Amino acid sequence: MKRFFVFILILALSAATVAGSAFTLFDAQDDVEIREEYVGDRAAANGLTVDCSFFLTSVDRGWNTAVTVADGRLEPRSVFGFSTNYNYDDFFRNYSELELWSVDYIAQNVTSEADIRVWASARYGLTKHAMDVAGRTNPGETRAEVVNLSDYYGIWPWVISGHRGYWSANLSDGDCKKLSGIFTFHTPKDAMAEVVVTKDSSGKIASVASHPTGSWHEPVTVAPDYDAAPGDQSFIAVGASAINDDGAYLYPAVIDCDTGENLLEYRDGPGIYFIPSYQSSGMYNQRGDLIIDGARLIYKTDERPLYLRFSSDEKTLQFYSVKDGTAFVTVLDPATGKELYRSELMKSDGSEVGFCLAKEDMFLIMDSAGNLALLREENSVAKPVFKTRLDLETEYPELISLGNLLSKPGDTFDFAFDGQRLAICEGLNMYVLTADETGLTYYAQYNYSPVWNGLTGNNYYGSAQTAYPYVRPPMTVSFD
């Protein structure tokens, strides 16, 4: 039986092209083939090491490969092993999220009066418009109407959820209404919904459907990795949030895409609000649940929020914002909101700033035009230490454009800095770049022989010969 298992395993690995001696289960010092397509100067990446971790889909075995650039050459070294080196911490990063509640989330099909009663008592009662149309629907009729939601609902309610590790919290309906009193967004006059109601011959409701119509209804999110591109929307929610054991720090905004005006009304003025959390569990709450009644403004500003994060030791709060085309970082005392440090980061020229990556005591931020700033913490204060501009418009033969690659960060990215050079890699598609203060110096894609050629996007699974990323990020970079 053991001999049969080894035979099957060797068959599963036979598709990989191996440089050097043939591998066995006992001799794991085997190189795999690394093919490279690049532009720029490979020598500019000397001292860079890219570590790749990919494992077979069918068994807990795979390759850890280190690719070092030395003397302008690639020097790969691979180890085939039995350990997958799981790192679950990458999946449980701190974040707090706000979401504008759209009628699209409430709308659903129902098949009985009992379902209608449950639906009518759903969160916020956002069914007035549908029930109004149902009241005008005759027995045996299917009626479709487009209605103006501002005729039924005065303000748009918020919903909030937060996560820290395995802990999560969702606000009750009552607390969400309180939140809407702090951050008030009046229902837009052009917010429309199409309602379709069907009644049977006896006059009972057989089905109800409600769907938003027009550009106003697009789901909008306030989160650390929000997509700020307005597209065809008439308004978009942007903002910043951070959460720790004490509570949540929130600064949402709703921007009119035509005028740039902030449509939110704030109870105590625009800026960062702190909402404390319960520190112990009780009859009606759990440790970590947010106390909306305790919300207070700690830092007043009318700058457009981009990002909020704690320093690596959680002693300070870093607030990233933009005003008049210039991005700033402001370091705050989270207890008092006192400003400890402030610095200009970059001139964004109207470009969106949405690419952010954090690593240990460093934070990288970039706008859609390629202006990039790297900050490093010193005594809990984040200060810019490196600035450059990457050309995001240029299309390279056989390589994805930088603009597409860096359109949005994720858990497949990693970066490193040696004091003069910055390296960024993306592990799912195996791209790596280096840059200095003059701009891009090296940009490459690696083709890793154990990885199935069809491995793109979210398609992690292929045949038995397919290797796929088992950890996040599946590629990491460092400098000697």
Protein backbone atom coordinates (compact mmCIF):
# COMPACT_ATOMS: atom_id res chain seq x y z
CA MET A 1 0.00 0.00 0.00
CA LYS A 2 2.82 2.37 0.86
CA ARG A 3 4.54 1.59 -2.44
CA PHE A 4 1.28 2.32 -4.30
CA PHE A 5 0.95 5.71 -2.58
CA VAL A 6 4.49 6.70 -3.60
CA PHE A 7 3.76 5.66 -7.18
CA ILE A 8 0.59 7.79 -7.31
CA LEU A 9 2.43 10.76 -5.81
CA ILE A 10 5.19 10.54 -8.40
CA LEU A 11 2.57 10.48 -11.16
CA ALA A 12 0.96 13.58 -9.70
CA LEU A 13 4.28 15.42 -9.75
CA SER A 14 5.42 14.32 -13.16
CA ALA A 15 4.20 17.47 -14.94
CA ALA A 16 6.71 19.73 -13.17
CA THR A 17 9.92 20.56 -15.04
CA VAL A 18 12.80 20.03 -12.63
CA ALA A 19 16.28 21.48 -13.04
CA GLY A 20 19.05 19.45 -11.45
CA SER A 21 18.78 15.96 -10.00
CA ALA A 22 15.43 14.18 -10.01
CA PHE A 23 13.64 14.60 -6.69
CA THR A 24 12.47 11.87 -4.36
CA LEU A 25 10.48 11.99 -1.15
CA PHE A 26 13.75 11.78 0.74
CA ASP A 27 15.95 14.25 -1.11
CA ALA A 28 14.11 17.61 -1.13
CA GLN A 29 16.85 19.91 -2.45
CA ASP A 30 15.47 20.12 -5.96
CA ASP A 31 15.14 23.21 -8.08
CA VAL A 32 12.09 23.84 -10.18
CA GLU A 33 12.08 25.80 -13.38
CA ILE A 34 11.53 29.56 -13.10
CA ARG A 35 10.82 31.42 -16.34
CA GLU A 36 10.92 35.22 -16.32
CA GLU A 37 9.57 37.96 -18.54
CA TYR A 38 10.67 41.42 -17.53
CA VAL A 39 11.33 45.00 -18.50
CA GLY A 40 13.85 47.40 -17.02
CA ASP A 41 17.22 46.52 -15.53
CA ARG A 42 17.40 43.23 -13.67
CA ALA A 43 20.66 44.35 -12.08
CA ALA A 44 18.69 47.12 -10.38
CA ALA A 45 17.06 44.35 -8.32
CA ASN A 46 20.35 42.85 -7.09
CA GLY A 47 19.98 41.65 -3.51
CA LEU A 48 16.26 41.03 -3.88
CA THR A 49 14.87 37.68 -2.74
CA VAL A 50 11.40 36.51 -3.69
CA ASP A 51 10.02 33.58 -1.69
CA CYS A 52 7.21 31.51 -3.24
CA SER A 53 5.06 28.92 -1.47
CA PHE A 54 2.85 26.72 -3.63
CA PHE A 55 1.38 23.31 -2.81
CA LEU A 56 -0.39 20.56 -4.67
CA THR A 57 -4.16 20.62 -4.66
CA SER A 58 -4.42 16.94 -3.86
CA VAL A 59 -1.88 16.49 -1.06
CA ASP A 60 -0.30 18.54 1.73
CA ARG A 61 3.03 18.68 -0.05
CA GLY A 62 4.62 21.29 -2.22
CA TRP A 63 7.44 23.65 -3.02
CA ASN A 64 9.04 26.54 -1.20
CA THR A 65 11.19 28.42 -3.68
CA ALA A 66 13.52 31.35 -3.05
CA VAL A 67 14.51 33.40 -6.10
CA THR A 68 17.48 35.70 -5.49
CA VAL A 69 18.71 38.32 -7.94
CA ALA A 70 22.52 38.44 -7.82
CA ASP A 71 24.96 39.92 -10.33
CA GLY A 72 22.05 40.50 -12.70
CA ARG A 73 21.08 36.79 -12.67
CA LEU A 74 18.21 34.84 -11.18
CA GLU A 75 19.30 32.20 -8.69
CA PRO A 76 16.35 30.00 -7.67
CA ARG A 77 16.50 27.38 -4.91
CA SER A 78 13.56 25.08 -4.23
CA VAL A 79 12.69 22.72 -1.40
CA PHE A 80 9.96 20.12 -1.75
CA GLY A 81 8.43 19.41 1.63
CA PHE A 82 5.55 17.99 3.61
CA SER A 83 4.82 21.11 5.70
CA THR A 84 2.29 23.62 4.40
CA ASN A 85 3.24 26.27 6.97
CA TYR A 86 -0.31 27.50 7.54
CA ASN A 87 -0.57 31.10 8.64
CA TYR A 88 -4.17 31.74 9.63
CA ASP A 89 -3.35 35.14 11.13
CA ASP A 90 -3.33 36.58 7.60
CA PHE A 91 -7.04 35.83 7.36
CA PHE A 92 -8.03 37.66 10.55
CA ARG A 93 -6.80 41.22 10.20
CA ASN A 94 -8.40 44.03 12.16
CA TYR A 95 -11.00 46.04 10.38
CA SER A 96 -14.25 47.85 10.92
CA GLU A 97 -16.75 48.31 8.16
CA LEU A 98 -19.69 50.65 7.56
CA GLU A 99 -22.20 50.11 4.81
CA LEU A 100 -24.98 52.28 3.44
CA TRP A 101 -28.11 50.16 3.51
CA SER A 102 -29.63 50.01 0.04
CA VAL A 103 -33.14 48.82 -0.72
CA ASP A 104 -31.46 46.27 -2.96
CA TYR A 105 -30.38 44.41 0.18
CA ILE A 106 -33.89 44.36 1.62
CA ALA A 107 -35.75 43.38 -1.58
CA GLN A 108 -36.61 39.70 -1.78
CA ASN A 109 -39.22 37.41 -3.30
CA VAL A 110 -41.93 36.04 -1.00
CA THR A 111 -44.57 33.40 -1.56
CA SER A 112 -47.07 33.71 1.29
CA GLU A 113 -48.74 36.25 3.55
CA ALA A 114 -46.67 34.88 6.43
CA ASP A 115 -43.51 35.71 4.51
CA ILE A 116 -44.89 39.17 3.80
CA ARG A 117 -45.46 39.77 7.53
CA VAL A 118 -41.90 38.72 8.30
CA TRP A 119 -40.62 40.84 5.43
CA ALA A 120 -42.63 43.85 6.60
CA SER A 121 -40.99 43.64 10.03
CA ALA A 122 -37.50 43.31 8.58
CA ARG A 123 -34.66 45.61 9.56
CA TYR A 124 -35.63 49.29 9.32
CA GLY A 125 -39.06 48.43 7.88
CA LEU A 126 -37.87 49.30 4.37
CA THR A 127 -41.02 47.87 2.81
CA LYS A 128 -43.39 50.86 2.92
CA HIS A 129 -42.98 51.49 -0.78
CA ALA A 130 -43.63 47.85 -1.68
CA MET A 131 -46.69 47.57 0.55
CA ASP A 132 -48.04 50.83 -0.89
CA VAL A 133 -47.91 49.35 -4.39
CA ALA A 134 -49.47 46.11 -3.07
CA GLY A 135 -52.39 48.18 -1.78
CA ARG A 136 -53.12 49.31 -5.34
CA THR A 137 -52.83 45.84 -6.87
CA ASN A 138 -56.10 44.09 -7.81
CA PRO A 139 -56.85 40.36 -7.34
CA GLY A 140 -55.32 38.29 -10.15
CA GLU A 141 -53.12 41.21 -11.22
CA THR A 142 -49.37 41.66 -11.55
CA ARG A 143 -48.59 45.31 -11.02
CA ALA A 144 -45.26 47.03 -11.68
CA GLU A 145 -44.54 50.59 -10.54
CA VAL A 146 -41.49 52.80 -10.24
CA VAL A 147 -41.69 54.82 -7.01
CA ASN A 148 -39.62 57.59 -5.46
CA LEU A 149 -38.15 56.34 -2.19
CA SER A 150 -37.85 59.82 -0.69
CA ASP A 151 -41.67 59.79 -0.53
CA TYR A 152 -41.43 56.96 2.01
CA TYR A 153 -38.12 57.28 3.85
CA GLY A 154 -36.62 60.52 5.13
CA ILE A 155 -33.10 59.30 5.88
CA TRP A 156 -30.94 56.44 4.70
CA PRO A 157 -30.09 54.08 7.57
CA TRP A 158 -26.62 52.77 8.26
CA VAL A 159 -25.56 49.29 9.22
CA ILE A 160 -22.23 48.62 10.92
CA SER A 161 -20.22 45.51 11.63
CA GLY A 162 -16.75 45.01 13.05
CA HIS A 163 -14.27 42.16 13.35
CA ARG A 164 -11.15 41.61 15.40
CA GLY A 165 -9.69 38.16 15.10
CA TYR A 166 -12.54 35.73 15.75
CA TRP A 167 -14.61 38.46 17.47
CA SER A 168 -17.36 40.12 15.51
CA ALA A 169 -20.25 42.43 16.32
CA ASN A 170 -23.30 43.67 14.49
CA LEU A 171 -25.40 46.54 15.71
CA SER A 172 -29.02 46.08 16.61
CA ASP A 173 -31.76 47.87 14.69
CA GLY A 174 -32.05 50.39 17.51
CA ASP A 175 -28.35 51.11 17.52
CA CYS A 176 -28.33 51.51 13.75
CA LYS A 177 -31.06 54.12 14.07
CA LYS A 178 -28.92 55.90 16.66
CA LEU A 179 -25.97 55.74 14.27
CA SER A 180 -28.12 57.33 11.57
CA GLY A 181 -28.69 60.19 14.00
CA ILE A 182 -24.93 60.78 14.22
CA PHE A 183 -24.20 60.36 10.51
CA THR A 184 -27.36 61.50 8.72
CA PHE A 185 -27.79 60.90 5.02
CA HIS A 186 -31.08 62.19 3.64
CA THR A 187 -32.66 59.99 1.00
CA PRO A 188 -31.77 61.42 -2.43
CA LYS A 189 -34.63 62.85 -4.43
CA ASP A 190 -33.71 60.66 -7.41
CA ALA A 191 -33.67 57.39 -5.40
CA MET A 192 -36.14 55.21 -7.31
CA ALA A 193 -37.22 51.58 -7.01
CA GLU A 194 -39.25 49.33 -9.27
CA VAL A 195 -41.81 47.28 -7.35
CA VAL A 196 -43.55 44.23 -8.83
CA VAL A 197 -46.50 42.74 -6.91
CA THR A 198 -48.59 39.72 -7.90
CA LYS A 199 -51.89 38.75 -6.24
CA ASP A 200 -53.87 35.55 -6.76
CA SER A 201 -57.55 35.49 -7.68
CA SER A 202 -58.62 35.73 -4.04
CA GLY A 203 -56.55 38.89 -3.50
CA LYS A 204 -53.75 37.28 -1.50
CA ILE A 205 -50.22 38.44 -2.26
CA ALA A 206 -48.39 35.72 -4.19
CA SER A 207 -45.05 37.53 -4.62
CA VAL A 208 -43.37 40.86 -4.09
CA ALA A 209 -40.10 42.06 -5.59
CA SER A 210 -38.40 45.43 -5.21
CA HIS A 211 -35.34 46.43 -7.20
CA PRO A 212 -33.54 49.79 -7.26
CA THR A 213 -33.43 51.56 -10.58
CA GLY A 214 -31.12 54.33 -11.77
CA SER A 215 -27.55 55.04 -10.71
CA TRP A 216 -28.20 56.08 -7.11
CA HIS A 217 -28.58 52.57 -5.72
CA GLU A 218 -25.10 51.14 -6.27
CA PRO A 219 -23.87 49.52 -3.03
CA VAL A 220 -21.42 51.81 -1.27
CA THR A 221 -18.96 50.79 1.40
CA VAL A 222 -16.69 52.45 3.94
CA ALA A 223 -13.77 50.15 4.63
CA PRO A 224 -9.95 50.12 4.60
CA ASP A 225 -9.92 48.70 1.07
CA TYR A 226 -12.89 50.49 -0.39
CA ASP A 227 -13.19 51.02 -4.13
CA ALA A 228 -13.45 54.78 -4.57
CA ALA A 229 -14.14 54.84 -8.32
CA PRO A 230 -17.52 56.50 -8.78
CA GLY A 231 -18.36 55.05 -12.18
CA ASP A 232 -21.98 55.83 -13.04
CA GLN A 233 -23.04 56.43 -9.43
CA SER A 234 -24.62 59.69 -8.36
CA PHE A 235 -23.04 59.42 -4.91
CA ILE A 236 -20.48 57.21 -3.24
CA ALA A 237 -19.57 56.49 0.36
CA VAL A 238 -15.92 56.85 1.26
CA GLY A 239 -14.23 56.95 4.60
CA ALA A 240 -11.91 55.53 7.17
CA SER A 241 -12.30 53.15 10.07
CA ALA A 242 -10.19 51.37 12.66
CA ILE A 243 -11.07 49.15 15.60
CA ASN A 244 -9.34 47.92 18.74
CA ASP A 245 -10.38 46.53 22.12
CA ASP A 246 -11.54 49.96 23.28
CA GLY A 247 -13.95 50.53 20.40
CA ALA A 248 -14.26 51.78 16.82
CA TYR A 249 -12.95 54.97 15.21
CA LEU A 250 -15.10 56.06 12.29
CA TYR A 251 -15.12 58.86 9.75
CA PRO A 252 -17.61 58.22 6.93
CA ALA A 253 -18.51 60.60 4.13
CA VAL A 254 -20.95 60.45 1.22
CA ILE A 255 -19.63 62.31 -1.81
CA ASP A 256 -21.75 63.76 -4.58
CA CYS A 257 -20.00 62.49 -7.71
CA ASP A 258 -20.94 65.59 -9.72
CA THR A 259 -20.03 68.35 -7.25
CA GLY A 260 -17.63 66.62 -4.83
CA GLU A 261 -19.78 67.85 -1.94
CA ASN A 262 -20.03 65.75 1.22
CA LEU A 263 -23.75 64.92 1.57
CA LEU A 264 -23.56 63.65 5.16
CA GLU A 265 -24.73 65.68 8.11
CA TYR A 266 -22.77 65.12 11.33
CA ARG A 267 -24.18 65.53 14.81
CA ASP A 268 -21.11 67.38 16.10
CA GLY A 269 -19.41 68.27 12.83
CA PRO A 270 -17.33 66.22 10.36
CA GLY A 271 -14.33 64.24 11.56
CA ILE A 272 -13.31 61.10 13.45
CA TYR A 273 -15.83 59.75 15.94
CA PHE A 274 -14.96 57.24 18.65
CA ILE A 275 -17.59 54.66 19.62
CA PRO A 276 -16.58 52.74 22.79
CA SER A 277 -17.24 49.04 23.27
CA TYR A 278 -18.35 47.01 26.26
CA GLN A 279 -15.42 45.66 28.22
CA SER A 280 -17.30 42.73 29.79
CA SER A 281 -20.25 40.55 28.85
CA GLY A 282 -23.64 41.10 30.43
CA MET A 283 -27.24 40.06 30.09
CA TYR A 284 -27.89 42.21 27.03
CA ASN A 285 -24.46 42.67 25.51
CA GLN A 286 -21.28 40.88 24.64
CA ARG A 287 -17.74 42.03 25.21
CA GLY A 288 -16.79 44.14 22.19
CA ASP A 289 -20.32 45.26 21.30
CA LEU A 290 -20.33 48.94 20.43
CA ILE A 291 -22.00 51.53 22.70
CA ILE A 292 -23.55 54.00 20.26
CA ASP A 293 -24.77 56.28 23.05
CA GLY A 294 -21.13 56.86 23.99
CA ALA A 295 -20.09 58.08 20.52
CA ARG A 296 -18.10 61.33 20.55
CA LEU A 297 -16.17 63.44 18.07
CA ILE A 298 -12.46 63.30 18.90
CA TYR A 299 -10.92 65.00 15.84
CA LYS A 300 -12.74 67.60 13.77
CA THR A 301 -11.77 68.02 10.12
CA ASP A 302 -13.45 68.54 6.77
CA GLU A 303 -10.74 66.72 4.82
CA ARG A 304 -11.87 63.75 2.77
CA PRO A 305 -11.05 60.55 4.68
CA LEU A 306 -8.88 57.91 3.05
CA TYR A 307 -7.67 55.51 5.72
CA LEU A 308 -7.38 55.00 9.46
CA ARG A 309 -4.98 52.61 11.13
CA PHE A 310 -3.22 52.10 14.42
CA SER A 311 0.53 52.16 14.80
CA SER A 312 2.07 48.71 15.16
CA ASP A 313 2.09 49.12 18.96
CA GLU A 314 -1.46 50.61 18.92
CA LYS A 315 -0.28 53.69 20.82
CA THR A 316 -1.21 56.17 18.09
CA LEU A 317 -3.81 56.51 15.36
CA GLN A 318 -2.75 57.33 11.81
CA PHE A 319 -5.27 59.30 9.76
CA TYR A 320 -4.78 59.54 5.98
CA SER A 321 -6.78 62.20 4.18
CA VAL A 322 -6.88 64.34 1.04
CA LYS A 323 -7.75 67.98 0.49
CA ASP A 324 -7.45 70.08 -2.66
CA GLY A 325 -5.55 67.29 -4.43
CA THR A 326 -2.96 66.79 -1.67
CA ALA A 327 -2.76 63.68 0.53
CA PHE A 328 -1.74 64.05 4.18
CA VAL A 329 -0.96 61.85 7.17
CA THR A 330 -1.94 63.03 10.64
CA VAL A 331 -0.87 61.12 13.74
CA LEU A 332 -3.30 61.34 16.67
CA ASP A 333 -3.54 60.34 20.31
CA PRO A 334 -6.47 57.88 20.14
CA ALA A 335 -7.60 58.72 23.67
CA THR A 336 -7.84 62.49 23.23
CA GLY A 337 -7.70 63.09 19.48
CA LYS A 338 -4.72 65.41 20.01
CA GLU A 339 -2.65 65.97 16.88
CA LEU A 340 0.91 64.66 17.40
CA TYR A 341 2.33 64.95 13.87
CA ARG A 342 1.21 65.98 10.40
CA SER A 343 2.93 65.77 7.02
CA GLU A 344 2.12 66.15 3.34
CA LEU A 345 2.47 62.89 1.44
CA MET A 346 1.85 63.60 -2.23
CA LYS A 347 0.15 65.81 -4.77
CA SER A 348 -2.58 63.62 -6.21
CA ASP A 349 -3.79 65.94 -8.98
CA GLY A 350 -7.35 64.76 -8.52
CA SER A 351 -6.36 61.07 -8.71
CA GLU A 352 -7.97 58.61 -6.35
CA VAL A 353 -5.85 57.35 -3.47
CA GLY A 354 -6.91 53.80 -2.84
CA PHE A 355 -3.89 51.45 -2.81
CA CYS A 356 -2.66 50.91 0.75
CA LEU A 357 -0.49 48.16 2.23
CA ALA A 358 0.67 47.77 5.82
CA LYS A 359 3.61 45.67 6.98
CA GLU A 360 5.00 45.68 10.49
CA ASP A 361 6.04 49.30 11.16
CA MET A 362 5.69 50.43 7.52
CA PHE A 363 2.75 51.67 5.48
CA LEU A 364 2.61 52.14 1.71
CA ILE A 365 0.04 54.39 0.03
CA MET A 366 -0.39 55.15 -3.68
CA ASP A 367 -2.83 57.02 -5.90
CA SER A 368 -4.22 55.93 -9.27
CA ALA A 369 -1.63 58.00 -11.15
CA GLY A 370 1.24 56.08 -9.54
CA ASN A 371 2.35 58.65 -6.94
CA LEU A 372 3.62 56.58 -4.05
CA ALA A 373 4.71 57.29 -0.48
CA LEU A 374 6.18 54.89 2.07
CA LEU A 375 5.95 55.68 5.77
CA ARG A 376 7.86 54.16 8.67
CA GLU A 377 7.05 54.44 12.34
CA GLU A 378 9.47 55.97 14.80
CA ASN A 379 8.34 56.12 18.43
CA SER A 380 4.79 55.29 17.26
CA VAL A 381 4.79 58.21 14.77
CA ALA A 382 4.56 57.36 11.05
CA LYS A 383 6.69 59.62 8.86
CA PRO A 384 7.31 59.47 5.09
CA VAL A 385 10.72 57.98 4.27
CA PHE A 386 10.41 57.30 0.53
CA LYS A 387 8.51 58.84 -2.38
CA THR A 388 8.42 58.00 -6.07
CA ARG A 389 6.11 57.76 -9.05
CA LEU A 390 5.38 54.56 -10.94
CA ASP A 391 4.28 54.68 -14.56
CA LEU A 392 0.87 53.01 -14.39
CA GLU A 393 -0.19 53.76 -17.96
CA THR A 394 2.49 51.91 -19.90
CA GLU A 395 1.52 48.52 -21.26
CA TYR A 396 4.42 46.07 -21.30
CA PRO A 397 4.54 43.20 -23.81
CA GLU A 398 3.34 39.99 -22.21
CA LEU A 399 2.96 41.73 -18.83
CA ILE A 400 -0.17 43.04 -17.20
CA SER A 401 -0.21 46.84 -16.93
CA LEU A 402 0.87 48.26 -13.59
CA GLY A 403 -2.43 50.08 -13.41
CA ASN A 404 -4.35 46.80 -13.48
CA LEU A 405 -1.95 45.04 -11.15
CA LEU A 406 -2.04 47.79 -8.54
CA SER A 407 -5.70 48.74 -8.93
CA LYS A 408 -6.55 47.33 -5.51
CA PRO A 409 -4.49 45.79 -2.70
CA GLY A 410 -5.18 42.38 -1.25
CA ASP A 411 -3.72 39.62 0.86
CA THR A 412 -1.60 38.37 -2.06
CA PHE A 413 0.67 41.45 -1.97
CA ASP A 414 3.89 42.01 -0.06
CA PHE A 415 6.56 44.72 -0.08
CA ALA A 416 10.04 45.46 1.26
CA PHE A 417 12.29 48.52 1.58
CA ASP A 418 16.08 48.68 1.98
CA GLY A 419 16.40 52.42 2.56
CA GLN A 420 16.76 53.32 -1.11
CA ARG A 421 14.75 50.77 -3.06
CA LEU A 422 11.18 49.56 -2.77
CA ALA A 423 10.01 46.12 -3.93
CA ILE A 424 6.39 45.04 -4.35
CA CYS A 425 5.18 41.57 -5.32
CA GLU A 426 1.80 40.02 -6.07
CA GLY A 427 1.70 36.30 -5.45
CA LEU A 428 -1.37 35.01 -7.22
CA ASN A 429 -0.11 36.04 -10.67
CA MET A 430 3.58 36.11 -9.60
CA TYR A 431 4.57 39.69 -10.43
CA VAL A 432 7.41 41.60 -8.81
CA LEU A 433 8.74 45.13 -9.27
CA THR A 434 11.46 47.33 -7.83
CA ALA A 435 11.63 51.12 -7.80
CA ASP A 436 13.88 53.88 -6.54
CA GLU A 437 13.22 57.61 -6.23
CA THR A 438 13.49 57.98 -10.03
CA GLY A 439 10.66 55.50 -10.61
CA LEU A 440 10.29 51.93 -11.84
CA THR A 441 13.58 50.03 -12.33
CA TYR A 442 12.52 46.38 -12.78
CA TYR A 443 9.14 44.76 -13.49
CA ALA A 444 8.78 41.02 -14.08
CA GLN A 445 6.44 38.08 -14.11
CA TYR A 446 7.71 34.68 -13.04
CA ASN A 447 6.36 31.43 -14.45
CA TYR A 448 6.80 28.80 -11.78
CA SER A 449 6.82 25.32 -13.29
CA PRO A 450 4.75 23.51 -10.61
CA VAL A 451 1.98 26.07 -11.01
CA TRP A 452 -0.69 25.20 -13.52
CA ASN A 453 -0.60 27.59 -16.48
CA GLY A 454 -4.31 28.27 -16.06
CA LEU A 455 -3.90 29.64 -12.54
CA THR A 456 -5.45 33.10 -12.82
CA GLY A 457 -7.88 35.14 -10.78
CA ASN A 458 -9.69 32.97 -8.23
CA ASN A 459 -9.14 29.74 -10.14
CA TYR A 460 -6.99 27.95 -7.56
CA TYR A 461 -7.89 24.43 -8.55
CA GLY A 462 -6.84 22.48 -11.58
CA SER A 463 -5.73 18.93 -12.18
CA ALA A 464 -3.79 16.78 -9.72
CA GLN A 465 -0.63 18.37 -11.07
CA THR A 466 -1.78 21.86 -10.13
CA ALA A 467 0.00 23.77 -7.38
CA TYR A 468 -1.75 26.72 -5.78
CA PRO A 469 -1.07 29.18 -2.96
CA TYR A 470 -1.73 27.75 0.48
CA VAL A 471 -0.67 30.77 2.51
CA ARG A 472 -1.17 34.53 2.30
CA PRO A 473 0.76 36.10 0.80
CA PRO A 474 1.99 33.23 -1.40
CA MET A 475 4.97 35.40 -2.39
CA THR A 476 7.07 37.58 -0.11
CA VAL A 477 9.98 39.90 -0.90
CA SER A 478 13.04 40.99 1.02
CA PHE A 479 16.42 42.63 0.45
CA ASP A 480 19.76 41.22 1.60
